[in-house]
Amino acid sequence: MSKRGGLGCGGAFILILGIAVLINYWYIFVAIAVLGGAIWYYYHQKEVQDAQAQADADRQQSETERKEAQAGSQVDQIRRFKQLLDEGAITQSEFDQQKAKILGNDDTLKF
């Protein structure tokens, strides 16, 4: 007996039976598809929200680090001007003006 590439009698029977079940119980397959889509959408939205929360946390952390670096930079600038004041290179009023400018309190008198 030689085998050909076809389904054979048993394969054809299973195929016909599968199609008959699909036709008779189509609403179950539709319900499963809708439920699967809803589950996928829920998990997809959860992943998007988690990614957004992580991005917000990273942004907040980088903002904090930037502010700390800026504060450190301001302190260094004030120290340099204080050193110049101590050396006599600038006057006390010039130091106060530069300090106010660095700290953003530039409400000194302008002539």
Protein backbone atom coordinates (compact mmCIF):
# COMPACT_ATOMS: atom_id res chain seq x y z
CA MET A 1 0.00 0.00 0.00
CA SER A 2 1.41 3.35 -0.97
CA LYS A 3 0.72 6.54 0.95
CA ARG A 4 -0.24 9.63 -0.93
CA GLY A 5 0.03 13.18 0.38
CA GLY A 6 -3.71 13.46 1.14
CA LEU A 7 -5.53 13.59 4.46
CA GLY A 8 -6.96 10.16 4.19
CA CYS A 9 -10.34 9.07 5.46
CA GLY A 10 -9.61 9.81 9.14
CA GLY A 11 -8.16 13.24 8.42
CA ALA A 12 -11.12 14.22 6.28
CA PHE A 13 -13.52 13.07 9.01
CA ILE A 14 -11.71 15.20 11.64
CA LEU A 15 -11.68 18.21 9.31
CA ILE A 16 -15.42 17.91 8.60
CA LEU A 17 -16.16 17.40 12.31
CA GLY A 18 -14.10 20.50 13.19
CA ILE A 19 -15.92 22.63 10.63
CA ALA A 20 -19.29 21.37 11.89
CA VAL A 21 -18.41 22.26 15.48
CA LEU A 22 -17.20 25.69 14.39
CA ILE A 23 -20.45 26.33 12.50
CA ASN A 24 -22.71 25.12 15.30
CA TYR A 25 -20.83 26.78 18.18
CA TRP A 26 -19.53 29.92 16.46
CA TYR A 27 -20.71 32.15 19.30
CA ILE A 28 -18.35 30.37 21.72
CA PHE A 29 -15.39 31.08 19.45
CA VAL A 30 -16.46 34.72 19.13
CA ALA A 31 -16.81 35.00 22.91
CA ILE A 32 -13.35 33.50 23.40
CA ALA A 33 -11.89 35.94 20.86
CA VAL A 34 -13.55 38.93 22.54
CA LEU A 35 -12.44 37.81 25.98
CA GLY A 36 -8.89 37.24 24.73
CA GLY A 37 -8.85 40.71 23.19
CA ALA A 38 -10.08 42.27 26.43
CA ILE A 39 -7.42 40.46 28.47
CA TRP A 40 -4.71 41.50 26.01
CA TYR A 41 -5.91 45.15 26.13
CA TYR A 42 -5.89 45.14 29.95
CA TYR A 43 -2.31 43.86 30.16
CA HIS A 44 -1.18 46.17 27.36
CA GLN A 45 -2.63 49.21 29.16
CA LYS A 46 -0.98 48.08 32.41
CA GLU A 47 2.40 47.88 30.66
CA VAL A 48 1.89 51.35 29.19
CA GLN A 49 0.99 52.79 32.61
CA ASP A 50 3.99 51.11 34.24
CA ALA A 51 6.28 52.50 31.54
CA GLN A 52 4.77 55.98 32.02
CA ALA A 53 5.22 55.77 35.80
CA GLN A 54 8.86 54.71 35.34
CA ALA A 55 9.47 57.57 32.91
CA ASP A 56 7.92 60.04 35.38
CA ALA A 57 10.09 58.68 38.20
CA ASP A 58 13.21 58.95 36.02
CA ARG A 59 12.30 62.50 35.00
CA GLN A 60 11.70 63.50 38.62
CA GLN A 61 15.01 61.95 39.67
CA SER A 62 16.92 63.74 36.90
CA GLU A 63 15.19 67.01 37.85
CA THR A 64 16.30 66.53 41.47
CA GLU A 65 19.85 65.71 40.38
CA ARG A 66 19.91 68.79 38.14
CA LYS A 67 18.74 71.02 40.99
CA GLU A 68 21.36 69.53 43.32
CA ALA A 69 24.06 70.09 40.71
CA GLN A 70 22.88 73.67 40.17
CA ALA A 71 22.90 74.29 43.92
CA GLY A 72 26.42 72.87 44.11
CA SER A 73 27.46 75.10 41.23
CA GLN A 74 26.01 78.16 42.99
CA VAL A 75 27.90 77.31 46.16
CA ASP A 76 31.14 76.98 44.18
CA GLN A 77 30.59 80.35 42.52
CA ILE A 78 29.91 82.03 45.85
CA ARG A 79 33.04 80.43 47.31
CA ARG A 80 35.11 81.80 44.44
CA PHE A 81 33.74 85.30 44.99
CA LYS A 82 34.33 84.95 48.76
CA GLN A 83 37.93 84.00 48.03
CA LEU A 84 38.27 87.08 45.83
CA LEU A 85 36.78 89.16 48.65
CA ASP A 86 39.21 87.70 51.17
CA GLU A 87 42.12 88.43 48.81
CA GLY A 88 40.93 92.01 48.44
CA ALA A 89 40.30 91.74 44.70
CA ILE A 90 36.64 92.82 45.09
CA THR A 91 34.75 94.91 47.63
CA GLN A 92 32.04 93.73 50.02
CA SER A 93 29.32 95.43 47.94
CA GLU A 94 30.56 93.71 44.76
CA PHE A 95 30.53 90.39 46.59
CA ASP A 96 26.98 91.02 47.83
CA GLN A 97 25.83 91.93 44.31
CA GLN A 98 27.37 88.81 42.79
CA LYS A 99 25.96 86.63 45.55
CA ALA A 100 22.46 88.06 45.02
CA LYS A 101 22.78 87.55 41.27
CA ILE A 102 23.91 83.92 41.71
CA LEU A 103 21.10 83.12 44.15
CA GLY A 104 18.52 84.79 41.91
CA ASN A 105 17.82 87.52 44.43
CA ASP A 106 18.87 90.26 42.10
CA ASP A 107 16.93 92.97 43.92
CA THR A 108 20.01 95.07 44.51
CA LEU A 109 20.01 98.75 43.63
CA LYS A 110 20.84 99.44 40.02
CA PHE A 111 22.45 102.73 39.09
